[in-house]
Structures are given as C-alpha cells and as structure tokens.
Amino acid sequence: MIAGVELRQLRYLVAIADAGHVGRAAAGLHVSQPALSYALKALETELGVRLFDRHRGGVTPTPAGRDVVAEARKVLRQAGRVTAVAQRHGLGRTGVLRVASPRAGRGS
C-alpha cells in the first residue's frame, strides 16, 4: 500500500529524468548523489515499479517511468498554482474587479 508520495520525491524524480543522470540531478538539487539514489530506490519500492533503467552513461526512464514523470510534472505545476493562490491571498490580491461604463449613445 502506498502511504503517499511527497512533492520532494516528485521534484527529485523530474530532476533525474531531466538530467538523465543521478549525479547531475543531485548536483542541481544540492543533495548528495547517494542520498538521491537512495530516494529514487525508495520511491520505486513504494510505487512497486522500476522507473529508470540504469546504465553506465546515466539513466533512461522505463515506460512506467515516462508515465509517472509526466504525472509528476502535472502535480508539481498544480502545486505551484496552489502556492501562487495562497501568496495572492497573503498580499490581499483576491476577488473580482468589475468595471462599468456608461452605455454608448446616452447623453450626458
């Protein structure tokens, strides 16, 4: 049973897919390569599917990995929208602005 995937795990997953290499992804994320490898393995175990084929030159997403990465991108975009909405509320930038103008053809 899946306990719940965290946004951090999805960010890691997308970074690995984008870099095509765990070491390069780790550098971009400012985490150690062993920690990122461990996180990937833990996510694969939690999901019950291998997400990347590992090879000498890096990693390549499996068919399942391509699908999961695509969904992860959607979730991360939506999470960004959630943050933006909260920030707008925090700045008091909410509500609907309605602008009215006099009808054309009426005299003043």
Foldseek 3Di string as FASTA:
>chain_A
DAPDDDLVLLLLLLLLQVVQALCVSCVVVVHHSVVSVVSQVVVCVRVVHRQWDQDPVHTHGDPVNVVVNVVSVVVVVVVVVVVVVVVCVVVVNDDDDDDDDDDPPDDD
